[in-house]
N, C-alpha and C. Protein backbone atom coordinates (compact mmCIF):
# COMPACT_ATOMS: atom_id res chain seq x y z
N MET A 1 106.22 106.16 92.25
CA MET A 1 105.31 106.68 93.26
C MET A 1 104.29 105.61 93.61
N GLY A 2 104.02 105.45 94.88
CA GLY A 2 103.07 104.46 95.35
C GLY A 2 101.64 104.96 95.31
N ILE A 3 100.76 104.15 95.82
CA ILE A 3 99.35 104.47 95.93
C ILE A 3 99.16 105.30 97.19
N THR A 4 98.56 106.48 97.06
CA THR A 4 98.36 107.33 98.22
C THR A 4 96.93 107.23 98.72
N VAL A 5 96.80 107.09 100.05
CA VAL A 5 95.49 106.86 100.66
C VAL A 5 95.31 107.81 101.84
N LEU A 6 94.12 108.39 101.93
CA LEU A 6 93.72 109.18 103.09
C LEU A 6 92.67 108.39 103.85
N LEU A 7 92.83 108.26 105.16
CA LEU A 7 91.87 107.55 106.00
C LEU A 7 90.90 108.56 106.60
N ALA A 8 89.61 108.33 106.43
CA ALA A 8 88.59 109.24 106.97
C ALA A 8 87.55 108.43 107.73
N ASP A 9 87.67 108.45 109.04
CA ASP A 9 86.73 107.72 109.90
C ASP A 9 86.74 108.39 111.27
N SER A 10 85.58 108.50 111.88
CA SER A 10 85.49 109.17 113.17
C SER A 10 86.06 108.33 114.31
N ILE A 11 86.25 107.04 114.09
CA ILE A 11 86.72 106.15 115.15
C ILE A 11 88.24 105.94 115.02
N VAL A 12 88.96 106.39 116.02
CA VAL A 12 90.42 106.33 116.01
C VAL A 12 90.91 104.89 115.84
N ASP A 13 90.31 103.95 116.55
CA ASP A 13 90.75 102.55 116.49
C ASP A 13 90.60 101.97 115.08
N VAL A 14 89.55 102.38 114.38
CA VAL A 14 89.34 101.91 113.01
C VAL A 14 90.44 102.46 112.11
N ARG A 15 90.72 103.76 112.24
CA ARG A 15 91.79 104.36 111.42
C ARG A 15 93.13 103.69 111.72
N GLN A 16 93.39 103.39 112.98
CA GLN A 16 94.66 102.76 113.35
C GLN A 16 94.77 101.36 112.74
N MET A 17 93.68 100.60 112.77
CA MET A 17 93.69 99.26 112.17
C MET A 17 93.93 99.38 110.65
N GLU A 18 93.24 100.31 110.00
CA GLU A 18 93.43 100.49 108.56
C GLU A 18 94.87 100.90 108.26
N ARG A 19 95.40 101.83 109.05
CA ARG A 19 96.79 102.27 108.85
C ARG A 19 97.75 101.09 109.02
N ASN A 20 97.55 100.29 110.06
CA ASN A 20 98.43 99.14 110.30
C ASN A 20 98.42 98.17 109.12
N LEU A 21 97.25 97.93 108.56
CA LEU A 21 97.16 97.02 107.40
C LEU A 21 97.86 97.62 106.18
N LEU A 22 97.61 98.89 105.92
CA LEU A 22 98.13 99.52 104.70
C LEU A 22 99.63 99.80 104.77
N GLN A 23 100.13 100.21 105.91
CA GLN A 23 101.53 100.62 105.98
C GLN A 23 102.52 99.46 105.87
N ARG A 24 102.02 98.23 105.94
CA ARG A 24 102.88 97.06 105.72
C ARG A 24 103.28 96.89 104.27
N GLU A 25 102.54 97.55 103.39
CA GLU A 25 102.74 97.37 101.96
C GLU A 25 103.65 98.46 101.41
N PRO A 26 104.73 98.09 100.74
CA PRO A 26 105.69 99.09 100.26
C PRO A 26 105.15 100.00 99.16
N ASP A 27 104.09 99.57 98.47
CA ASP A 27 103.55 100.38 97.37
C ASP A 27 102.35 101.23 97.78
N ILE A 28 102.00 101.22 99.08
CA ILE A 28 100.85 102.00 99.56
C ILE A 28 101.34 102.94 100.66
N GLU A 29 100.95 104.21 100.53
CA GLU A 29 101.35 105.21 101.52
C GLU A 29 100.10 105.88 102.09
N VAL A 30 99.94 105.81 103.41
CA VAL A 30 98.87 106.55 104.07
C VAL A 30 99.38 107.98 104.26
N VAL A 31 98.76 108.92 103.56
CA VAL A 31 99.25 110.30 103.57
C VAL A 31 98.59 111.16 104.63
N GLY A 32 97.52 110.67 105.23
CA GLY A 32 96.86 111.45 106.27
C GLY A 32 95.66 110.73 106.85
N GLU A 33 95.16 111.30 107.96
CA GLU A 33 93.99 110.76 108.64
C GLU A 33 93.08 111.91 109.03
N ALA A 34 91.78 111.67 108.90
CA ALA A 34 90.80 112.68 109.28
C ALA A 34 89.72 112.04 110.13
N ALA A 35 89.27 112.78 111.16
CA ALA A 35 88.25 112.28 112.06
C ALA A 35 86.85 112.71 111.65
N ASP A 36 86.75 113.69 110.74
CA ASP A 36 85.43 114.14 110.30
C ASP A 36 85.50 114.65 108.87
N ASP A 37 84.34 114.93 108.30
CA ASP A 37 84.27 115.34 106.90
C ASP A 37 85.01 116.65 106.60
N PRO A 38 84.83 117.71 107.40
CA PRO A 38 85.56 118.95 107.10
C PRO A 38 87.08 118.78 107.11
N GLU A 39 87.58 118.04 108.09
CA GLU A 39 89.02 117.79 108.16
C GLU A 39 89.48 116.98 106.94
N ALA A 40 88.68 115.99 106.56
CA ALA A 40 89.02 115.18 105.39
C ALA A 40 89.06 116.03 104.13
N MET A 41 88.08 116.91 103.94
CA MET A 41 88.07 117.76 102.74
C MET A 41 89.30 118.66 102.69
N MET A 42 89.69 119.19 103.84
CA MET A 42 90.89 120.02 103.91
C MET A 42 92.13 119.21 103.52
N LEU A 43 92.23 117.99 104.04
CA LEU A 43 93.38 117.14 103.74
C LEU A 43 93.38 116.65 102.29
N ILE A 44 92.21 116.38 101.74
CA ILE A 44 92.14 115.97 100.34
C ILE A 44 92.68 117.08 99.46
N LYS A 45 92.29 118.30 99.75
CA LYS A 45 92.77 119.45 98.97
C LYS A 45 94.28 119.62 99.13
N ALA A 46 94.77 119.48 100.33
CA ALA A 46 96.20 119.72 100.60
C ALA A 46 97.09 118.57 100.14
N LEU A 47 96.63 117.33 100.31
CA LEU A 47 97.48 116.17 100.07
C LEU A 47 97.23 115.46 98.75
N GLU A 48 96.07 115.69 98.14
CA GLU A 48 95.69 115.08 96.88
C GLU A 48 95.89 113.56 96.85
N PRO A 49 95.28 112.83 97.79
CA PRO A 49 95.42 111.37 97.77
C PRO A 49 94.71 110.78 96.57
N GLN A 50 95.18 109.65 96.12
CA GLN A 50 94.51 108.96 95.02
C GLN A 50 93.22 108.31 95.49
N ILE A 51 93.22 107.82 96.73
CA ILE A 51 92.08 107.09 97.27
C ILE A 51 91.75 107.63 98.66
N VAL A 52 90.44 107.80 98.92
CA VAL A 52 89.97 108.11 100.27
C VAL A 52 89.24 106.88 100.77
N LEU A 53 89.67 106.38 101.92
CA LEU A 53 89.06 105.22 102.56
C LEU A 53 88.16 105.76 103.66
N THR A 54 86.85 105.54 103.53
CA THR A 54 85.91 106.13 104.47
C THR A 54 84.81 105.16 104.86
N ASP A 55 84.21 105.43 106.00
CA ASP A 55 83.11 104.63 106.51
C ASP A 55 81.82 105.03 105.80
N PHE A 56 80.92 104.07 105.64
CA PHE A 56 79.61 104.37 105.08
C PHE A 56 78.54 103.64 105.86
N SER A 57 77.55 104.39 106.31
CA SER A 57 76.35 103.78 106.88
C SER A 57 75.17 104.63 106.43
N ILE A 58 74.01 104.06 106.41
CA ILE A 58 72.82 104.76 105.94
C ILE A 58 72.56 106.02 106.74
N ARG A 59 72.83 105.98 108.03
CA ARG A 59 72.57 107.14 108.88
C ARG A 59 73.73 108.13 108.91
N SER A 60 74.85 107.77 108.38
CA SER A 60 76.01 108.67 108.43
C SER A 60 75.92 109.73 107.36
N THR A 61 76.84 110.65 107.41
CA THR A 61 76.93 111.66 106.37
C THR A 61 77.77 111.15 105.21
N GLY A 62 78.11 109.87 105.22
CA GLY A 62 78.97 109.29 104.19
C GLY A 62 78.48 109.52 102.78
N LYS A 63 77.16 109.45 102.59
CA LYS A 63 76.61 109.63 101.24
C LYS A 63 76.79 111.07 100.77
N ILE A 64 76.63 112.03 101.67
CA ILE A 64 76.83 113.44 101.32
C ILE A 64 78.33 113.70 101.12
N PHE A 65 79.13 113.11 101.97
CA PHE A 65 80.58 113.27 101.91
C PHE A 65 81.13 112.77 100.57
N ALA A 66 80.68 111.60 100.13
CA ALA A 66 81.15 111.06 98.85
C ALA A 66 80.81 111.99 97.70
N LYS A 67 79.60 112.52 97.69
CA LYS A 67 79.21 113.46 96.63
C LYS A 67 80.07 114.73 96.68
N GLN A 68 80.36 115.19 97.88
CA GLN A 68 81.19 116.39 98.05
C GLN A 68 82.60 116.15 97.51
N ILE A 69 83.17 115.01 97.84
CA ILE A 69 84.51 114.69 97.32
C ILE A 69 84.48 114.68 95.80
N LYS A 70 83.53 113.97 95.23
CA LYS A 70 83.46 113.84 93.76
C LYS A 70 83.23 115.18 93.08
N SER A 71 82.47 116.08 93.69
CA SER A 71 82.22 117.37 93.06
C SER A 71 83.45 118.27 93.10
N GLN A 72 84.23 118.17 94.15
CA GLN A 72 85.41 119.03 94.29
C GLN A 72 86.71 118.38 93.83
N HIS A 73 86.76 117.05 93.84
CA HIS A 73 87.97 116.31 93.48
C HIS A 73 87.57 115.09 92.65
N PRO A 74 87.14 115.31 91.42
CA PRO A 74 86.56 114.21 90.62
C PRO A 74 87.50 113.05 90.32
N THR A 75 88.80 113.25 90.39
CA THR A 75 89.72 112.14 90.09
C THR A 75 90.05 111.31 91.33
N THR A 76 89.71 111.81 92.51
CA THR A 76 89.94 111.06 93.74
C THR A 76 88.95 109.90 93.81
N LYS A 77 89.45 108.73 94.11
CA LYS A 77 88.61 107.54 94.21
C LYS A 77 88.21 107.31 95.66
N ILE A 78 87.00 106.78 95.83
CA ILE A 78 86.46 106.57 97.17
C ILE A 78 86.21 105.09 97.40
N LEU A 79 86.81 104.58 98.47
CA LEU A 79 86.57 103.22 98.92
C LEU A 79 85.78 103.32 100.22
N SER A 80 84.52 102.89 100.18
CA SER A 80 83.65 102.95 101.35
C SER A 80 83.63 101.60 102.05
N VAL A 81 83.79 101.65 103.35
CA VAL A 81 83.74 100.44 104.18
C VAL A 81 82.43 100.47 104.96
N THR A 82 81.72 99.36 104.97
CA THR A 82 80.42 99.33 105.63
C THR A 82 80.14 97.98 106.28
N GLU A 83 79.23 98.01 107.24
CA GLU A 83 78.72 96.79 107.84
C GLU A 83 77.37 96.42 107.25
N LEU A 84 76.83 97.30 106.42
CA LEU A 84 75.53 97.06 105.81
C LEU A 84 75.62 95.96 104.77
N LYS A 85 74.54 95.27 104.56
CA LYS A 85 74.53 94.13 103.64
C LYS A 85 73.48 94.32 102.54
N GLY A 86 73.65 93.60 101.47
CA GLY A 86 72.64 93.55 100.43
C GLY A 86 73.03 94.29 99.17
N ARG A 87 72.43 93.86 98.08
CA ARG A 87 72.72 94.45 96.78
C ARG A 87 72.31 95.92 96.71
N TYR A 88 71.20 96.27 97.38
CA TYR A 88 70.76 97.66 97.33
C TYR A 88 71.79 98.60 97.95
N VAL A 89 72.53 98.10 98.94
CA VAL A 89 73.57 98.92 99.58
C VAL A 89 74.65 99.26 98.56
N THR A 90 75.09 98.28 97.79
CA THR A 90 76.11 98.51 96.77
C THR A 90 75.63 99.56 95.78
N ASN A 91 74.42 99.42 95.30
CA ASN A 91 73.88 100.40 94.35
C ASN A 91 73.75 101.77 94.99
N PHE A 92 73.26 101.81 96.23
CA PHE A 92 73.07 103.06 96.94
C PHE A 92 74.40 103.80 97.11
N VAL A 93 75.42 103.07 97.53
CA VAL A 93 76.73 103.69 97.73
C VAL A 93 77.27 104.24 96.42
N LYS A 94 77.16 103.46 95.35
CA LYS A 94 77.70 103.91 94.06
C LYS A 94 76.93 105.10 93.51
N ILE A 95 75.64 105.17 93.78
CA ILE A 95 74.86 106.34 93.36
C ILE A 95 75.43 107.60 93.99
N PHE A 96 75.88 107.49 95.22
CA PHE A 96 76.41 108.66 95.91
C PHE A 96 77.89 108.90 95.65
N GLY A 97 78.51 108.10 94.81
CA GLY A 97 79.85 108.44 94.35
C GLY A 97 80.99 107.54 94.76
N ALA A 98 80.74 106.55 95.59
CA ALA A 98 81.84 105.65 95.96
C ALA A 98 82.23 104.80 94.76
N ASP A 99 83.51 104.56 94.62
CA ASP A 99 84.01 103.75 93.50
C ASP A 99 83.99 102.27 93.83
N GLU A 100 84.20 101.95 95.08
CA GLU A 100 84.17 100.55 95.53
C GLU A 100 83.61 100.50 96.93
N LEU A 101 83.06 99.34 97.26
CA LEU A 101 82.49 99.10 98.57
C LEU A 101 83.15 97.85 99.16
N LEU A 102 83.54 97.93 100.43
CA LEU A 102 84.17 96.80 101.09
C LEU A 102 83.43 96.50 102.39
N ASP A 103 83.03 95.26 102.55
CA ASP A 103 82.35 94.83 103.77
C ASP A 103 83.36 94.88 104.92
N ARG A 104 82.97 95.53 106.01
CA ARG A 104 83.89 95.68 107.14
C ARG A 104 84.42 94.34 107.64
N SER A 105 83.62 93.28 107.53
CA SER A 105 84.07 91.97 108.00
C SER A 105 85.22 91.42 107.14
N GLN A 106 85.42 91.99 105.96
CA GLN A 106 86.50 91.54 105.06
C GLN A 106 87.67 92.52 105.03
N LEU A 107 87.65 93.48 105.92
CA LEU A 107 88.68 94.52 105.91
C LEU A 107 90.09 93.93 106.00
N GLU A 108 90.30 93.04 106.94
CA GLU A 108 91.65 92.50 107.13
C GLU A 108 92.12 91.64 105.97
N THR A 109 91.19 90.98 105.28
CA THR A 109 91.60 90.07 104.20
C THR A 109 91.54 90.71 102.82
N GLU A 110 90.72 91.74 102.63
CA GLU A 110 90.49 92.29 101.29
C GLU A 110 90.93 93.74 101.09
N LEU A 111 91.33 94.43 102.14
CA LEU A 111 91.65 95.86 102.00
C LEU A 111 92.77 96.10 101.00
N ILE A 112 93.87 95.40 101.15
CA ILE A 112 95.03 95.62 100.27
C ILE A 112 94.68 95.31 98.82
N THR A 113 94.01 94.19 98.59
CA THR A 113 93.61 93.80 97.24
C THR A 113 92.70 94.85 96.62
N THR A 114 91.75 95.35 97.41
CA THR A 114 90.79 96.33 96.90
C THR A 114 91.47 97.66 96.59
N VAL A 115 92.37 98.10 97.45
CA VAL A 115 93.11 99.34 97.20
C VAL A 115 93.93 99.20 95.91
N ARG A 116 94.59 98.09 95.75
CA ARG A 116 95.38 97.88 94.52
C ARG A 116 94.49 97.80 93.29
N PHE A 117 93.32 97.17 93.42
CA PHE A 117 92.38 97.10 92.30
C PHE A 117 91.97 98.51 91.88
N ILE A 118 91.63 99.35 92.83
CA ILE A 118 91.23 100.73 92.51
C ILE A 118 92.39 101.43 91.82
N ALA A 119 93.59 101.25 92.34
CA ALA A 119 94.75 101.92 91.75
C ALA A 119 95.04 101.43 90.33
N LEU A 120 94.93 100.14 90.10
CA LEU A 120 95.25 99.59 88.80
C LEU A 120 94.16 99.80 87.76
N VAL A 121 92.92 99.67 88.18
CA VAL A 121 91.82 99.71 87.22
C VAL A 121 91.13 101.07 87.20
N LYS A 122 90.70 101.53 88.34
CA LYS A 122 89.88 102.75 88.40
C LYS A 122 90.68 104.03 88.16
N LEU A 123 91.92 104.08 88.68
CA LEU A 123 92.71 105.29 88.50
C LEU A 123 93.20 105.45 87.07
N ARG A 124 93.29 104.36 86.34
CA ARG A 124 93.78 104.43 84.97
C ARG A 124 92.66 104.53 83.95
N ALA A 125 91.43 104.42 84.43
CA ALA A 125 90.26 104.46 83.52
C ALA A 125 90.01 105.85 82.98
């Protein structure tokens, strides 16, 4: 069984880019896509992905969403993608439940490596 990922982002083009990057890999399966938090929660319950890939910004509901996922699905791992910078952002995101943080500017070069890292290290912890 491969690594299962749910994409949760309000921007269709972002989800499509993420899907294009992930679906090239034989060991990674995108099991669903959600445009908002309620749809994502419904799909997480139905599909039980190992990883949820979601956007994070200070003004977004991402911080509440991450806590909601962790409270209802504690084994699901969260990979937050952000354009925000700085060490405080990393700490802030992790306080709210994200397992890893990926700078949006590194999405094309680091997404696959980060997803595999979560699967190999975080899912087995």
